[in-house]
Amino acid sequence: MAKKKVAKKIDGLTFEQAFKELEETVAKLEEGDLSLEASLELYARGQQLTAYCGRLLEEATLKVTQMGKDG
């Protein structure tokens, strides 16, 4: 019976942690040594990490904008 990998939670990662994992994911995909199933799983994880990093950047931008208005 094949073991099912349990994906690590993304929520709670720092931007730096999520971005590092995203870089590693892209590198693995670029190697091209994975099965189609593994590639699809990694691609999906990369999409999730990209969205998460984007959300963190948007939140940081909003905070900086608000600080500029308050100051």
N, C-alpha and C. Protein backbone atom coordinates (compact mmCIF):
# COMPACT_ATOMS: atom_id res chain seq x y z
N MET A 1 0.84 -1.18 0.00
CA MET A 1 0.00 0.00 0.00
C MET A 1 0.89 1.25 0.00
N ALA A 2 0.60 2.19 -0.87
CA ALA A 2 1.40 3.41 -0.99
C ALA A 2 1.10 4.37 0.15
N LYS A 3 2.16 4.99 0.64
CA LYS A 3 1.98 5.99 1.70
C LYS A 3 1.55 7.31 1.10
N LYS A 4 0.59 7.95 1.72
CA LYS A 4 0.13 9.26 1.28
C LYS A 4 0.90 10.32 2.06
N LYS A 5 1.55 11.21 1.35
CA LYS A 5 2.27 12.30 2.01
C LYS A 5 1.28 13.30 2.59
N VAL A 6 1.54 13.72 3.81
CA VAL A 6 0.71 14.74 4.43
C VAL A 6 1.39 16.08 4.21
N ALA A 7 0.69 16.97 3.52
CA ALA A 7 1.25 18.29 3.23
C ALA A 7 1.34 19.11 4.50
N LYS A 8 2.45 19.83 4.63
CA LYS A 8 2.62 20.71 5.78
C LYS A 8 1.65 21.89 5.63
N LYS A 9 1.19 22.35 6.78
CA LYS A 9 0.32 23.52 6.77
C LYS A 9 1.10 24.74 6.33
N ILE A 10 0.44 25.58 5.57
CA ILE A 10 1.08 26.81 5.10
C ILE A 10 0.81 27.95 6.07
N ASP A 11 -0.43 28.02 6.55
CA ASP A 11 -0.76 29.09 7.50
C ASP A 11 0.17 28.98 8.70
N GLY A 12 0.70 30.09 9.10
CA GLY A 12 1.61 30.11 10.23
C GLY A 12 3.07 30.19 9.81
N LEU A 13 3.36 29.89 8.53
CA LEU A 13 4.73 30.05 8.06
C LEU A 13 5.05 31.54 7.94
N THR A 14 6.29 31.87 8.19
CA THR A 14 6.70 33.25 7.92
C THR A 14 6.83 33.41 6.41
N PHE A 15 6.90 34.64 5.96
CA PHE A 15 7.10 34.87 4.53
C PHE A 15 8.38 34.19 4.05
N GLU A 16 9.42 34.34 4.85
CA GLU A 16 10.71 33.78 4.47
C GLU A 16 10.66 32.26 4.36
N GLN A 17 9.98 31.60 5.29
CA GLN A 17 9.85 30.15 5.25
C GLN A 17 9.06 29.71 4.01
N ALA A 18 7.96 30.38 3.76
CA ALA A 18 7.11 30.03 2.63
C ALA A 18 7.84 30.28 1.31
N PHE A 19 8.56 31.39 1.22
CA PHE A 19 9.27 31.71 -0.01
C PHE A 19 10.41 30.71 -0.26
N LYS A 20 11.10 30.31 0.81
CA LYS A 20 12.17 29.32 0.67
C LYS A 20 11.60 28.00 0.16
N GLU A 21 10.48 27.57 0.73
CA GLU A 21 9.85 26.33 0.26
C GLU A 21 9.41 26.46 -1.20
N LEU A 22 8.90 27.63 -1.56
CA LEU A 22 8.50 27.87 -2.94
C LEU A 22 9.70 27.76 -3.88
N GLU A 23 10.82 28.35 -3.50
CA GLU A 23 12.04 28.25 -4.31
C GLU A 23 12.47 26.79 -4.47
N GLU A 24 12.42 26.02 -3.38
CA GLU A 24 12.80 24.61 -3.43
C GLU A 24 11.84 23.82 -4.32
N THR A 25 10.57 24.16 -4.25
CA THR A 25 9.55 23.50 -5.07
C THR A 25 9.81 23.74 -6.55
N VAL A 26 10.09 24.98 -6.89
CA VAL A 26 10.37 25.33 -8.29
C VAL A 26 11.62 24.60 -8.78
N ALA A 27 12.65 24.54 -7.94
CA ALA A 27 13.88 23.85 -8.32
C ALA A 27 13.62 22.37 -8.60
N LYS A 28 12.82 21.72 -7.75
CA LYS A 28 12.49 20.31 -7.95
C LYS A 28 11.72 20.10 -9.25
N LEU A 29 10.78 21.01 -9.53
CA LEU A 29 10.01 20.89 -10.76
C LEU A 29 10.90 21.10 -11.99
N GLU A 30 11.84 22.02 -11.89
CA GLU A 30 12.72 22.29 -13.02
C GLU A 30 13.67 21.14 -13.32
N GLU A 31 13.97 20.32 -12.31
CA GLU A 31 14.85 19.17 -12.53
C GLU A 31 14.21 18.18 -13.50
N GLY A 32 12.89 18.04 -13.43
CA GLY A 32 12.18 17.18 -14.36
C GLY A 32 12.30 15.70 -14.11
N ASP A 33 12.77 15.30 -12.92
CA ASP A 33 12.97 13.88 -12.62
C ASP A 33 11.79 13.25 -11.89
N LEU A 34 10.67 13.95 -11.80
CA LEU A 34 9.52 13.48 -11.02
C LEU A 34 8.48 12.82 -11.91
N SER A 35 7.68 11.98 -11.27
CA SER A 35 6.54 11.41 -11.99
C SER A 35 5.52 12.50 -12.22
N LEU A 36 4.58 12.22 -13.09
CA LEU A 36 3.52 13.19 -13.36
C LEU A 36 2.75 13.50 -12.09
N GLU A 37 2.40 12.47 -11.32
CA GLU A 37 1.64 12.67 -10.08
C GLU A 37 2.42 13.54 -9.09
N ALA A 38 3.70 13.25 -8.91
CA ALA A 38 4.52 14.04 -7.99
C ALA A 38 4.65 15.48 -8.48
N SER A 39 4.80 15.64 -9.79
CA SER A 39 4.90 16.99 -10.36
C SER A 39 3.62 17.79 -10.12
N LEU A 40 2.48 17.13 -10.30
CA LEU A 40 1.20 17.81 -10.07
C LEU A 40 1.03 18.21 -8.62
N GLU A 41 1.44 17.33 -7.70
CA GLU A 41 1.35 17.64 -6.27
C GLU A 41 2.24 18.83 -5.93
N LEU A 42 3.46 18.82 -6.45
CA LEU A 42 4.37 19.93 -6.19
C LEU A 42 3.86 21.22 -6.81
N TYR A 43 3.31 21.13 -8.00
CA TYR A 43 2.76 22.31 -8.66
C TYR A 43 1.63 22.91 -7.82
N ALA A 44 0.75 22.06 -7.32
CA ALA A 44 -0.36 22.53 -6.49
C ALA A 44 0.17 23.20 -5.22
N ARG A 45 1.18 22.59 -4.62
CA ARG A 45 1.78 23.17 -3.41
C ARG A 45 2.41 24.53 -3.76
N GLY A 46 3.06 24.61 -4.88
CA GLY A 46 3.65 25.88 -5.31
C GLY A 46 2.61 26.96 -5.51
N GLN A 47 1.47 26.59 -6.06
CA GLN A 47 0.37 27.55 -6.25
C GLN A 47 -0.12 28.05 -4.89
N GLN A 48 -0.25 27.15 -3.93
CA GLN A 48 -0.69 27.54 -2.58
C GLN A 48 0.33 28.47 -1.92
N LEU A 49 1.59 28.13 -2.06
CA LEU A 49 2.65 28.96 -1.47
C LEU A 49 2.70 30.34 -2.13
N THR A 50 2.51 30.38 -3.45
CA THR A 50 2.50 31.65 -4.17
C THR A 50 1.36 32.54 -3.68
N ALA A 51 0.19 31.96 -3.52
CA ALA A 51 -0.96 32.73 -3.04
C ALA A 51 -0.72 33.22 -1.62
N TYR A 52 -0.15 32.37 -0.79
CA TYR A 52 0.12 32.74 0.61
C TYR A 52 1.13 33.88 0.68
N CYS A 53 2.22 33.76 -0.07
CA CYS A 53 3.23 34.83 -0.08
C CYS A 53 2.63 36.13 -0.61
N GLY A 54 1.81 36.04 -1.63
CA GLY A 54 1.15 37.23 -2.16
C GLY A 54 0.27 37.90 -1.14
N ARG A 55 -0.47 37.08 -0.39
CA ARG A 55 -1.34 37.63 0.65
C ARG A 55 -0.52 38.32 1.74
N LEU A 56 0.59 37.71 2.16
CA LEU A 56 1.44 38.33 3.17
C LEU A 56 2.03 39.65 2.67
N LEU A 57 2.42 39.69 1.40
CA LEU A 57 2.95 40.94 0.84
C LEU A 57 1.89 42.02 0.76
N GLU A 58 0.67 41.64 0.40
CA GLU A 58 -0.42 42.61 0.36
C GLU A 58 -0.70 43.17 1.75
N GLU A 59 -0.69 42.31 2.76
CA GLU A 59 -0.92 42.76 4.14
C GLU A 59 0.19 43.71 4.59
N ALA A 60 1.43 43.39 4.24
CA ALA A 60 2.55 44.26 4.62
C ALA A 60 2.45 45.61 3.91
N THR A 61 2.06 45.60 2.65
CA THR A 61 1.90 46.84 1.89
C THR A 61 0.81 47.71 2.52
N LEU A 62 -0.28 47.08 2.92
CA LEU A 62 -1.37 47.81 3.56
C LEU A 62 -0.90 48.45 4.87
N LYS A 63 -0.13 47.71 5.67
CA LYS A 63 0.37 48.24 6.92
C LYS A 63 1.28 49.45 6.69
N VAL A 64 2.15 49.34 5.69
CA VAL A 64 3.07 50.44 5.39
C VAL A 64 2.27 51.66 4.92
N THR A 65 1.28 51.43 4.09
CA THR A 65 0.44 52.53 3.60
C THR A 65 -0.29 53.20 4.76
N GLN A 66 -0.81 52.41 5.67
CA GLN A 66 -1.53 52.96 6.82
C GLN A 66 -0.59 53.75 7.73
N MET A 67 0.63 53.25 7.90
CA MET A 67 1.60 53.97 8.73
C MET A 67 1.94 55.31 8.10
N GLY A 68 2.01 55.35 6.79
CA GLY A 68 2.31 56.60 6.10
C GLY A 68 1.21 57.62 6.27
N LYS A 69 -0.03 57.16 6.33
CA LYS A 69 -1.17 58.07 6.51
C LYS A 69 -1.25 58.58 7.94
N ASP A 70 -0.85 57.72 8.90
CA ASP A 70 -0.92 58.10 10.32
C ASP A 70 0.21 59.02 10.73
N GLY A 71 1.30 58.98 9.99
CA GLY A 71 2.51 59.72 10.39
C GLY A 71 2.59 61.02 9.77
